[in-house]
Amino acid sequence: MDETTTLGERLVEQLRAGGQREVEATVDGVRARAQVAGAGQHGCELEGLTVERTQPRGDAGRGDRTSDVTEAIARRIDYLAEPLQPLELDRGAGRGQLRTRRDRVRGHEYYEIEVSGGDRIDVKRYRFDPASGAREPVSSNHGHGVLRRLVDDLSDLMERRGGPRPDAP
């Protein structure tokens, strides 16, 4: 495999191999893990996606990293089915949350992205049931190009916002 292969490209290669419910790839200390209901040559039905550092950076600067990554996701990830907006930010706990903008929710389904310490990002899609007030996770379809871009963008935002990687010289 080429040394310049990105994390997103490695994950898509694993998805194309098929047959697995969970697919994982690691590049330069960052891991992407996708939970899938099904995958083919051109896309997948994604149940959840996690992009995380294999070695979290600890508590120093955690609130700033979380804030920076959360805000950067809102600005940069503009190619999903609906636009995202920051919903909550708890700098003390190092947690941030983004969701589909309320005015763009369709069919009671929305994206939710959790940022933990600037070292882990979880992407899921939910459906809200207005009758019961409950929400349940649902899958979403993504072409491999969009998924690759999402993984690479999340990895880049997480890395750039927190300084050099521990394995960097």
C-alpha atoms as a PDB file:
ATOM      1  CA  MET A   1       0.000   0.000   0.000  1.00  0.00           C
ATOM      2  CA  ASP A   2       1.209   3.493  -0.853  1.00  0.00           C
ATOM      3  CA  GLU A   3       2.559   5.511   2.109  1.00  0.00           C
ATOM      4  CA  THR A   4       0.452   8.498   1.053  1.00  0.00           C
ATOM      5  CA  THR A   5      -2.813   6.581   1.402  1.00  0.00           C
ATOM      6  CA  THR A   6      -5.152   8.548   3.646  1.00  0.00           C
ATOM      7  CA  LEU A   7      -7.199   7.230   6.541  1.00  0.00           C
ATOM      8  CA  GLY A   8     -10.387   7.674   4.515  1.00  0.00           C
ATOM      9  CA  GLU A   9      -8.942   5.725   1.592  1.00  0.00           C
ATOM     10  CA  ARG A  10      -7.886   2.863   3.862  1.00  0.00           C
ATOM     11  CA  LEU A  11     -11.325   2.694   5.437  1.00  0.00           C
ATOM     12  CA  VAL A  12     -13.013   2.610   2.015  1.00  0.00           C
ATOM     13  CA  GLU A  13     -10.660  -0.192   0.919  1.00  0.00           C
ATOM     14  CA  GLN A  14     -11.814  -2.192   3.939  1.00  0.00           C
ATOM     15  CA  LEU A  15     -15.455  -1.476   3.114  1.00  0.00           C
ATOM     16  CA  ARG A  16     -15.019  -2.617  -0.483  1.00  0.00           C
ATOM     17  CA  ALA A  17     -13.632  -5.931   0.800  1.00  0.00           C
ATOM     18  CA  GLY A  18     -17.127  -6.347   2.301  1.00  0.00           C
ATOM     19  CA  GLY A  19     -18.757  -8.808   4.617  1.00  0.00           C
ATOM     20  CA  GLN A  20     -17.986  -7.094   7.922  1.00  0.00           C
ATOM     21  CA  ARG A  21     -20.300  -5.246  10.294  1.00  0.00           C
ATOM     22  CA  GLU A  22     -17.432  -3.185  11.707  1.00  0.00           C
ATOM     23  CA  VAL A  23     -14.524  -1.947   9.622  1.00  0.00           C
ATOM     24  CA  GLU A  24     -11.427  -0.255  11.016  1.00  0.00           C
ATOM     25  CA  ALA A  25      -8.362   1.484   9.607  1.00  0.00           C
ATOM     26  CA  THR A  26      -5.445   3.282  11.267  1.00  0.00           C
ATOM     27  CA  VAL A  27      -2.993   5.802   9.771  1.00  0.00           C
ATOM     28  CA  ASP A  28      -0.424   7.907  11.653  1.00  0.00           C
ATOM     29  CA  GLY A  29      -1.945   7.371  15.097  1.00  0.00           C
ATOM     30  CA  VAL A  30      -5.540   8.080  14.049  1.00  0.00           C
ATOM     31  CA  ARG A  31      -8.144   5.309  13.782  1.00  0.00           C
ATOM     32  CA  ALA A  32     -11.450   5.310  11.898  1.00  0.00           C
ATOM     33  CA  ARG A  33     -14.082   2.729  12.746  1.00  0.00           C
ATOM     34  CA  ALA A  34     -17.316   2.351  10.781  1.00  0.00           C
ATOM     35  CA  GLN A  35     -20.325   0.286  11.819  1.00  0.00           C
ATOM     36  CA  VAL A  36     -22.099  -0.723   8.635  1.00  0.00           C
ATOM     37  CA  ALA A  37     -25.354  -2.457   7.731  1.00  0.00           C
ATOM     38  CA  GLY A  38     -24.032  -3.148   4.235  1.00  0.00           C
ATOM     39  CA  ALA A  39     -21.393  -2.016   1.759  1.00  0.00           C
ATOM     40  CA  GLY A  40     -20.717  -2.353  -1.944  1.00  0.00           C
ATOM     41  CA  GLN A  41     -18.251  -1.109  -4.501  1.00  0.00           C
ATOM     42  CA  HIS A  42     -19.609   2.456  -4.549  1.00  0.00           C
ATOM     43  CA  GLY A  43     -21.125   3.112  -1.146  1.00  0.00           C
ATOM     44  CA  CYS A  44     -22.296   1.860   2.211  1.00  0.00           C
ATOM     45  CA  GLU A  45     -25.133   2.001   4.684  1.00  0.00           C
ATOM     46  CA  LEU A  46     -23.477   3.543   7.711  1.00  0.00           C
ATOM     47  CA  GLU A  47     -24.779   2.976  11.248  1.00  0.00           C
ATOM     48  CA  GLY A  48     -22.029   4.935  12.978  1.00  0.00           C
ATOM     49  CA  LEU A  49     -18.557   6.353  12.460  1.00  0.00           C
ATOM     50  CA  THR A  50     -15.792   7.058  14.973  1.00  0.00           C
ATOM     51  CA  VAL A  51     -12.552   8.885  14.229  1.00  0.00           C
ATOM     52  CA  GLU A  52     -10.126   8.970  17.169  1.00  0.00           C
ATOM     53  CA  ARG A  53      -6.521   9.321  18.167  1.00  0.00           C
ATOM     54  CA  THR A  54      -5.018   6.011  19.237  1.00  0.00           C
ATOM     55  CA  GLN A  55      -3.205   7.892  22.032  1.00  0.00           C
ATOM     56  CA  PRO A  56      -5.435  10.646  23.523  1.00  0.00           C
ATOM     57  CA  ARG A  57      -3.569  13.780  24.580  1.00  0.00           C
ATOM     58  CA  GLY A  58      -4.883  14.038  28.146  1.00  0.00           C
ATOM     59  CA  ASP A  59      -6.539  16.875  30.014  1.00  0.00           C
ATOM     60  CA  ALA A  60      -4.151  19.763  29.261  1.00  0.00           C
ATOM     61  CA  GLY A  61      -5.852  21.928  26.626  1.00  0.00           C
ATOM     62  CA  ARG A  62      -8.837  19.556  26.350  1.00  0.00           C
ATOM     63  CA  GLY A  63     -11.467  22.314  26.498  1.00  0.00           C
ATOM     64  CA  ASP A  64      -9.757  24.439  23.836  1.00  0.00           C
ATOM     65  CA  ARG A  65      -9.240  21.429  21.544  1.00  0.00           C
ATOM     66  CA  THR A  66     -12.879  20.432  21.899  1.00  0.00           C
ATOM     67  CA  SER A  67     -14.089  23.958  21.177  1.00  0.00           C
ATOM     68  CA  ASP A  68     -11.787  24.356  18.162  1.00  0.00           C
ATOM     69  CA  VAL A  69     -12.739  20.987  16.645  1.00  0.00           C
ATOM     70  CA  THR A  70     -16.479  21.499  17.233  1.00  0.00           C
ATOM     71  CA  GLU A  71     -16.453  24.926  15.587  1.00  0.00           C
ATOM     72  CA  ALA A  72     -14.261  23.727  12.710  1.00  0.00           C
ATOM     73  CA  ILE A  73     -16.625  20.835  11.965  1.00  0.00           C
ATOM     74  CA  ALA A  74     -19.548  23.276  11.714  1.00  0.00           C
ATOM     75  CA  ARG A  75     -17.598  25.388   9.197  1.00  0.00           C
ATOM     76  CA  ARG A  76     -15.994  22.647   7.106  1.00  0.00           C
ATOM     77  CA  ILE A  77     -18.386  19.673   6.982  1.00  0.00           C
ATOM     78  CA  ASP A  78     -20.939  21.212   4.626  1.00  0.00           C
ATOM     79  CA  TYR A  79     -21.472  18.278   2.254  1.00  0.00           C
ATOM     80  CA  LEU A  80     -23.669  15.928   4.294  1.00  0.00           C
ATOM     81  CA  ALA A  81     -27.401  15.687   3.594  1.00  0.00           C
ATOM     82  CA  GLU A  82     -28.068  18.602   5.942  1.00  0.00           C
ATOM     83  CA  PRO A  83     -25.901  21.371   7.394  1.00  0.00           C
ATOM     84  CA  LEU A  84     -24.618  21.040  10.968  1.00  0.00           C
ATOM     85  CA  GLN A  85     -24.540  23.532  13.794  1.00  0.00           C
ATOM     86  CA  PRO A  86     -22.969  23.439  17.245  1.00  0.00           C
ATOM     87  CA  LEU A  87     -25.583  22.512  19.833  1.00  0.00           C
ATOM     88  CA  GLU A  88     -23.635  22.222  23.075  1.00  0.00           C
ATOM     89  CA  LEU A  89     -20.113  22.896  24.245  1.00  0.00           C
ATOM     90  CA  ASP A  90     -18.852  21.982  27.711  1.00  0.00           C
ATOM     91  CA  ARG A  91     -15.227  23.080  27.780  1.00  0.00           C
ATOM     92  CA  GLY A  92     -14.746  21.852  31.352  1.00  0.00           C
ATOM     93  CA  ALA A  93     -15.816  18.321  30.472  1.00  0.00           C
ATOM     94  CA  GLY A  94     -14.158  18.490  27.040  1.00  0.00           C
ATOM     95  CA  ARG A  95     -17.379  17.663  25.198  1.00  0.00           C
ATOM     96  CA  GLY A  96     -18.970  19.255  22.175  1.00  0.00           C
ATOM     97  CA  GLN A  97     -22.052  18.332  20.185  1.00  0.00           C
ATOM     98  CA  LEU A  98     -23.294  19.307  16.747  1.00  0.00           C
ATOM     99  CA  ARG A  99     -26.603  18.445  15.097  1.00  0.00           C
ATOM    100  CA  THR A 100     -28.404  19.009  11.858  1.00  0.00           C
ATOM    101  CA  ARG A 101     -29.779  22.553  11.843  1.00  0.00           C
ATOM    102  CA  ARG A 102     -33.339  22.373  13.148  1.00  0.00           C
ATOM    103  CA  ASP A 103     -34.777  24.127  10.087  1.00  0.00           C
ATOM    104  CA  ARG A 104     -33.189  21.495   7.812  1.00  0.00           C
ATOM    105  CA  VAL A 105     -34.377  18.312   9.568  1.00  0.00           C
ATOM    106  CA  ARG A 106     -36.320  16.126   7.120  1.00  0.00           C
ATOM    107  CA  GLY A 107     -38.600  13.265   8.141  1.00  0.00           C
ATOM    108  CA  HIS A 108     -37.555  13.691  11.785  1.00  0.00           C
ATOM    109  CA  GLU A 109     -34.046  12.388  10.934  1.00  0.00           C
ATOM    110  CA  TYR A 110     -30.882  14.262  11.811  1.00  0.00           C
ATOM    111  CA  TYR A 111     -27.126  13.893  12.234  1.00  0.00           C
ATOM    112  CA  GLU A 112     -25.507  14.167  15.621  1.00  0.00           C
ATOM    113  CA  ILE A 113     -21.755  14.519  16.067  1.00  0.00           C
ATOM    114  CA  GLU A 114     -20.082  14.189  19.461  1.00  0.00           C
ATOM    115  CA  VAL A 115     -16.600  15.628  20.026  1.00  0.00           C
ATOM    116  CA  SER A 116     -14.714  14.285  23.050  1.00  0.00           C
ATOM    117  CA  GLY A 117     -11.613  16.181  24.134  1.00  0.00           C
ATOM    118  CA  GLY A 118     -10.683  16.972  20.566  1.00  0.00           C
ATOM    119  CA  ASP A 119      -9.353  13.388  20.387  1.00  0.00           C
ATOM    120  CA  ARG A 120     -12.497  11.488  19.397  1.00  0.00           C
ATOM    121  CA  ILE A 121     -15.396  12.270  17.065  1.00  0.00           C
ATOM    122  CA  ASP A 122     -18.531  10.109  16.790  1.00  0.00           C
ATOM    123  CA  VAL A 123     -21.014  10.544  13.925  1.00  0.00           C
ATOM    124  CA  LYS A 124     -24.508   9.025  14.073  1.00  0.00           C
ATOM    125  CA  ARG A 125     -27.899   9.608  12.534  1.00  0.00           C
ATOM    126  CA  TYR A 126     -31.135   9.508  14.541  1.00  0.00           C
ATOM    127  CA  ARG A 127     -34.862   9.519  13.935  1.00  0.00           C
ATOM    128  CA  PHE A 128     -37.109  11.346  16.396  1.00  0.00           C
ATOM    129  CA  ASP A 129     -40.584   9.947  17.072  1.00  0.00           C
ATOM    130  CA  PRO A 130     -42.818  12.918  17.947  1.00  0.00           C
ATOM    131  CA  ALA A 131     -45.540  10.649  19.354  1.00  0.00           C
ATOM    132  CA  SER A 132     -43.315   9.030  21.977  1.00  0.00           C
ATOM    133  CA  GLY A 133     -40.644  11.709  22.277  1.00  0.00           C
ATOM    134  CA  ALA A 134     -37.986   9.021  21.825  1.00  0.00           C
ATOM    135  CA  ARG A 135     -35.182   8.874  19.338  1.00  0.00           C
ATOM    136  CA  GLU A 136     -33.544   5.868  17.783  1.00  0.00           C
ATOM    137  CA  PRO A 137     -30.373   5.438  15.752  1.00  0.00           C
ATOM    138  CA  VAL A 138     -30.859   4.897  12.014  1.00  0.00           C
ATOM    139  CA  SER A 139     -28.466   4.148   9.187  1.00  0.00           C
ATOM    140  CA  SER A 140     -27.602   6.539   6.379  1.00  0.00           C
ATOM    141  CA  ASN A 141     -26.340   5.864   2.871  1.00  0.00           C
ATOM    142  CA  HIS A 142     -23.034   7.365   1.777  1.00  0.00           C
ATOM    143  CA  GLY A 143     -21.048   7.068  -1.409  1.00  0.00           C
ATOM    144  CA  HIS A 144     -17.474   6.015  -0.764  1.00  0.00           C
ATOM    145  CA  GLY A 145     -16.202   9.405  -1.945  1.00  0.00           C
ATOM    146  CA  VAL A 146     -18.260  11.273   0.658  1.00  0.00           C
ATOM    147  CA  LEU A 147     -17.296   8.854   3.413  1.00  0.00           C
ATOM    148  CA  ARG A 148     -13.592   9.094   2.500  1.00  0.00           C
ATOM    149  CA  ARG A 149     -13.796  12.887   2.552  1.00  0.00           C
ATOM    150  CA  LEU A 150     -15.644  12.895   5.888  1.00  0.00           C
ATOM    151  CA  VAL A 151     -13.078  10.616   7.554  1.00  0.00           C
ATOM    152  CA  ASP A 152     -10.150  12.614   6.157  1.00  0.00           C
ATOM    153  CA  ASP A 153     -11.692  15.961   7.117  1.00  0.00           C
ATOM    154  CA  LEU A 154     -12.501  14.827  10.674  1.00  0.00           C
ATOM    155  CA  SER A 155      -8.995  13.410  11.066  1.00  0.00           C
ATOM    156  CA  ASP A 156      -7.431  16.607   9.749  1.00  0.00           C
ATOM    157  CA  LEU A 157      -9.552  18.872  11.965  1.00  0.00           C
ATOM    158  CA  MET A 158      -8.752  16.807  15.040  1.00  0.00           C
ATOM    159  CA  GLU A 159      -5.022  16.822  14.282  1.00  0.00           C
ATOM    160  CA  ARG A 160      -4.648  20.470  13.249  1.00  0.00           C
ATOM    161  CA  ARG A 161      -6.543  21.786  16.256  1.00  0.00           C
ATOM    162  CA  GLY A 162      -4.420  20.012  18.819  1.00  0.00           C
ATOM    163  CA  GLY A 163      -0.843  20.667  17.815  1.00  0.00           C
ATOM    164  CA  PRO A 164       1.640  18.093  16.625  1.00  0.00           C
ATOM    165  CA  ARG A 165       0.975  14.369  16.851  1.00  0.00           C
ATOM    166  CA  PRO A 166       2.899  12.555  19.590  1.00  0.00           C
ATOM    167  CA  ASP A 167       4.827  10.649  16.891  1.00  0.00           C
ATOM    168  CA  ALA A 168       5.857  13.858  15.099  1.00  0.00           C
ATOM    169  CA  PRO A 169       9.535  14.887  15.369  1.00  0.00           C
END
